[in-house]
């Protein structure tokens, strides 16, 4: 029963790909960015942001206040990045397939990886500085 959703989803994607000649699939990266942005942004209105939940799961203990503050600010950074990524992905829908492919197939992943890498370096420095 757990496998039924992925199979149906894959079938739908294949049908959309086949019958629309990629036009409808151009919306997929923008939709995913908007969905993730909505999750991250909505978590900023709760006591514990999504990044705080991830950090607490990885640490396996309650987070100090300074770490909670850091992760809340990091959630805001990701929200800004995801908004930017959504806007650019949305703009590329109406551009040539080459531009859409370069941004959504390479550049957006590169920028996401770059943000992860920069944040990782900052996190290591933060942990050393604050001894957490």
C-alpha atoms as a PDB file:
ATOM      1  CA  UNK A   1       0.000   0.000   0.000  1.00  0.00           C
ATOM      2  CA  UNK A   2       2.896   2.393   0.737  1.00  0.00           C
ATOM      3  CA  UNK A   3       4.180   1.945  -2.809  1.00  0.00           C
ATOM      4  CA  UNK A   4       0.937   3.001  -4.494  1.00  0.00           C
ATOM      5  CA  UNK A   5       1.516   6.768  -4.173  1.00  0.00           C
ATOM      6  CA  UNK A   6       5.028   6.785  -5.712  1.00  0.00           C
ATOM      7  CA  UNK A   7       3.835   4.580  -8.559  1.00  0.00           C
ATOM      8  CA  UNK A   8       0.820   6.807  -9.260  1.00  0.00           C
ATOM      9  CA  UNK A   9       2.960   9.954  -8.960  1.00  0.00           C
ATOM     10  CA  UNK A  10       5.539   8.557 -11.388  1.00  0.00           C
ATOM     11  CA  UNK A  11       2.809   7.614 -13.840  1.00  0.00           C
ATOM     12  CA  UNK A  12       1.287  11.112 -13.660  1.00  0.00           C
ATOM     13  CA  UNK A  13       4.685  12.747 -14.220  1.00  0.00           C
ATOM     14  CA  UNK A  14       5.344  10.510 -17.225  1.00  0.00           C
ATOM     15  CA  UNK A  15       1.919  11.353 -18.673  1.00  0.00           C
ATOM     16  CA  UNK A  16       2.414  15.077 -18.148  1.00  0.00           C
ATOM     17  CA  UNK A  17       5.856  14.830 -19.735  1.00  0.00           C
ATOM     18  CA  UNK A  18       4.544  12.867 -22.711  1.00  0.00           C
ATOM     19  CA  UNK A  19       1.361  14.791 -23.460  1.00  0.00           C
ATOM     20  CA  UNK A  20       2.477  18.360 -22.773  1.00  0.00           C
ATOM     21  CA  UNK A  21       5.885  18.354 -24.435  1.00  0.00           C
ATOM     22  CA  UNK A  22       7.553  19.607 -21.224  1.00  0.00           C
ATOM     23  CA  UNK A  23       5.568  22.840 -20.930  1.00  0.00           C
ATOM     24  CA  UNK A  24       3.684  21.835 -17.795  1.00  0.00           C
ATOM     25  CA  UNK A  25       6.811  20.333 -16.238  1.00  0.00           C
ATOM     26  CA  UNK A  26       8.503  23.713 -16.400  1.00  0.00           C
ATOM     27  CA  UNK A  27       6.325  24.702 -13.439  1.00  0.00           C
ATOM     28  CA  UNK A  28       7.649  21.866 -11.247  1.00  0.00           C
ATOM     29  CA  UNK A  29      10.825  23.577  -9.881  1.00  0.00           C
ATOM     30  CA  UNK A  30       8.896  26.767  -9.110  1.00  0.00           C
ATOM     31  CA  UNK A  31       6.165  24.758  -7.370  1.00  0.00           C
ATOM     32  CA  UNK A  32       8.674  22.817  -5.261  1.00  0.00           C
ATOM     33  CA  UNK A  33      10.472  26.018  -4.237  1.00  0.00           C
ATOM     34  CA  UNK A  34       7.161  27.596  -3.288  1.00  0.00           C
ATOM     35  CA  UNK A  35       6.150  24.514  -1.298  1.00  0.00           C
ATOM     36  CA  UNK A  36       9.434  24.398   0.641  1.00  0.00           C
ATOM     37  CA  UNK A  37       9.287  28.174   1.166  1.00  0.00           C
ATOM     38  CA  UNK A  38       5.784  27.799   2.600  1.00  0.00           C
ATOM     39  CA  UNK A  39       6.987  25.113   5.015  1.00  0.00           C
ATOM     40  CA  UNK A  40      10.003  27.119   6.163  1.00  0.00           C
ATOM     41  CA  UNK A  41       8.124  30.430   6.343  1.00  0.00           C
ATOM     42  CA  UNK A  42       5.154  29.002   8.218  1.00  0.00           C
ATOM     43  CA  UNK A  43       7.555  27.524  10.776  1.00  0.00           C
ATOM     44  CA  UNK A  44       8.772  31.040  11.643  1.00  0.00           C
ATOM     45  CA  UNK A  45       5.393  31.655  13.289  1.00  0.00           C
ATOM     46  CA  UNK A  46       5.806  28.716  15.672  1.00  0.00           C
ATOM     47  CA  UNK A  47       7.888  28.308  18.815  1.00  0.00           C
ATOM     48  CA  UNK A  48      10.281  25.969  17.025  1.00  0.00           C
ATOM     49  CA  UNK A  49      11.279  26.507  13.381  1.00  0.00           C
ATOM     50  CA  UNK A  50      11.851  23.619  11.012  1.00  0.00           C
ATOM     51  CA  UNK A  51      15.627  24.074  11.238  1.00  0.00           C
ATOM     52  CA  UNK A  52      15.409  24.026  15.045  1.00  0.00           C
ATOM     53  CA  UNK A  53      13.567  20.708  14.795  1.00  0.00           C
ATOM     54  CA  UNK A  54      16.301  19.289  12.543  1.00  0.00           C
ATOM     55  CA  UNK A  55      19.014  20.590  14.887  1.00  0.00           C
ATOM     56  CA  UNK A  56      17.284  19.123  17.948  1.00  0.00           C
ATOM     57  CA  UNK A  57      16.945  15.747  16.206  1.00  0.00           C
ATOM     58  CA  UNK A  58      20.622  15.749  15.233  1.00  0.00           C
ATOM     59  CA  UNK A  59      21.850  16.864  18.653  1.00  0.00           C
ATOM     60  CA  UNK A  60      19.479  14.593  20.529  1.00  0.00           C
ATOM     61  CA  UNK A  61      18.962  17.121  23.309  1.00  0.00           C
ATOM     62  CA  UNK A  62      17.361  20.457  24.064  1.00  0.00           C
ATOM     63  CA  UNK A  63      19.064  23.330  22.260  1.00  0.00           C
ATOM     64  CA  UNK A  64      20.607  26.258  24.146  1.00  0.00           C
ATOM     65  CA  UNK A  65      18.962  29.658  23.579  1.00  0.00           C
ATOM     66  CA  UNK A  66      21.875  30.931  21.497  1.00  0.00           C
ATOM     67  CA  UNK A  67      21.489  27.964  19.132  1.00  0.00           C
ATOM     68  CA  UNK A  68      17.733  28.530  18.928  1.00  0.00           C
ATOM     69  CA  UNK A  69      18.397  32.145  17.953  1.00  0.00           C
ATOM     70  CA  UNK A  70      20.956  31.054  15.337  1.00  0.00           C
ATOM     71  CA  UNK A  71      18.618  28.471  13.806  1.00  0.00           C
ATOM     72  CA  UNK A  72      15.717  30.959  13.702  1.00  0.00           C
ATOM     73  CA  UNK A  73      17.924  33.439  11.820  1.00  0.00           C
ATOM     74  CA  UNK A  74      19.070  30.627   9.547  1.00  0.00           C
ATOM     75  CA  UNK A  75      15.434  29.829   8.780  1.00  0.00           C
ATOM     76  CA  UNK A  76      14.976  33.448   7.662  1.00  0.00           C
ATOM     77  CA  UNK A  77      18.042  33.142   5.416  1.00  0.00           C
ATOM     78  CA  UNK A  78      16.609  30.012   3.811  1.00  0.00           C
ATOM     79  CA  UNK A  79      13.254  31.753   3.346  1.00  0.00           C
ATOM     80  CA  UNK A  80      14.926  34.608   1.458  1.00  0.00           C
ATOM     81  CA  UNK A  81      16.915  32.147  -0.647  1.00  0.00           C
ATOM     82  CA  UNK A  82      13.845  30.037  -1.432  1.00  0.00           C
ATOM     83  CA  UNK A  83      11.862  33.137  -2.366  1.00  0.00           C
ATOM     84  CA  UNK A  84      14.662  34.197  -4.728  1.00  0.00           C
ATOM     85  CA  UNK A  85      14.859  30.696  -6.175  1.00  0.00           C
ATOM     86  CA  UNK A  86      11.081  30.587  -6.629  1.00  0.00           C
ATOM     87  CA  UNK A  87      11.024  33.947  -8.410  1.00  0.00           C
ATOM     88  CA  UNK A  88      13.869  33.046 -10.764  1.00  0.00           C
ATOM     89  CA  UNK A  89      12.416  29.579 -11.434  1.00  0.00           C
ATOM     90  CA  UNK A  90       9.069  31.193 -12.191  1.00  0.00           C
ATOM     91  CA  UNK A  91      10.677  33.686 -14.557  1.00  0.00           C
ATOM     92  CA  UNK A  92      12.519  30.942 -16.456  1.00  0.00           C
ATOM     93  CA  UNK A  93       9.213  29.236 -17.262  1.00  0.00           C
ATOM     94  CA  UNK A  94       8.606  31.929 -19.868  1.00  0.00           C
ATOM     95  CA  UNK A  95      12.161  31.923 -21.219  1.00  0.00           C
ATOM     96  CA  UNK A  96      13.809  29.616 -23.706  1.00  0.00           C
ATOM     97  CA  UNK A  97      14.147  25.942 -22.808  1.00  0.00           C
ATOM     98  CA  UNK A  98      17.918  26.415 -22.718  1.00  0.00           C
ATOM     99  CA  UNK A  99      17.725  29.145 -20.042  1.00  0.00           C
ATOM    100  CA  UNK A 100      15.173  27.114 -18.065  1.00  0.00           C
ATOM    101  CA  UNK A 101      17.412  24.035 -18.183  1.00  0.00           C
ATOM    102  CA  UNK A 102      20.571  25.908 -17.204  1.00  0.00           C
ATOM    103  CA  UNK A 103      18.944  27.545 -14.193  1.00  0.00           C
ATOM    104  CA  UNK A 104      16.650  24.762 -12.970  1.00  0.00           C
ATOM    105  CA  UNK A 105      18.905  21.885 -13.935  1.00  0.00           C
ATOM    106  CA  UNK A 106      22.207  23.303 -12.737  1.00  0.00           C
ATOM    107  CA  UNK A 107      22.386  26.807 -11.308  1.00  0.00           C
ATOM    108  CA  UNK A 108      19.641  26.443  -8.685  1.00  0.00           C
ATOM    109  CA  UNK A 109      21.272  23.242  -7.385  1.00  0.00           C
ATOM    110  CA  UNK A 110      24.681  24.889  -7.399  1.00  0.00           C
ATOM    111  CA  UNK A 111      23.354  27.889  -5.420  1.00  0.00           C
ATOM    112  CA  UNK A 112      21.595  25.593  -2.943  1.00  0.00           C
ATOM    113  CA  UNK A 113      24.800  23.596  -2.442  1.00  0.00           C
ATOM    114  CA  UNK A 114      26.770  26.811  -2.055  1.00  0.00           C
ATOM    115  CA  UNK A 115      24.378  28.040   0.637  1.00  0.00           C
ATOM    116  CA  UNK A 116      24.672  24.687   2.433  1.00  0.00           C
ATOM    117  CA  UNK A 117      28.481  24.856   2.263  1.00  0.00           C
ATOM    118  CA  UNK A 118      28.705  28.457   3.470  1.00  0.00           C
ATOM    119  CA  UNK A 119      26.264  27.762   6.291  1.00  0.00           C
ATOM    120  CA  UNK A 120      28.230  24.678   7.303  1.00  0.00           C
ATOM    121  CA  UNK A 121      31.442  26.700   7.630  1.00  0.00           C
ATOM    122  CA  UNK A 122      29.596  29.397   9.592  1.00  0.00           C
ATOM    123  CA  UNK A 123      28.018  26.734  11.823  1.00  0.00           C
ATOM    124  CA  UNK A 124      31.416  25.203  12.645  1.00  0.00           C
ATOM    125  CA  UNK A 125      32.782  28.639  13.565  1.00  0.00           C
ATOM    126  CA  UNK A 126      29.644  29.389  15.573  1.00  0.00           C
ATOM    127  CA  UNK A 127      29.965  26.142  17.543  1.00  0.00           C
ATOM    128  CA  UNK A 128      33.635  26.759  18.277  1.00  0.00           C
ATOM    129  CA  UNK A 129      33.061  30.377  19.281  1.00  0.00           C
ATOM    130  CA  UNK A 130      30.134  29.596  21.594  1.00  0.00           C
ATOM    131  CA  UNK A 131      31.414  26.205  22.737  1.00  0.00           C
ATOM    132  CA  UNK A 132      28.233  24.325  21.827  1.00  0.00           C
END
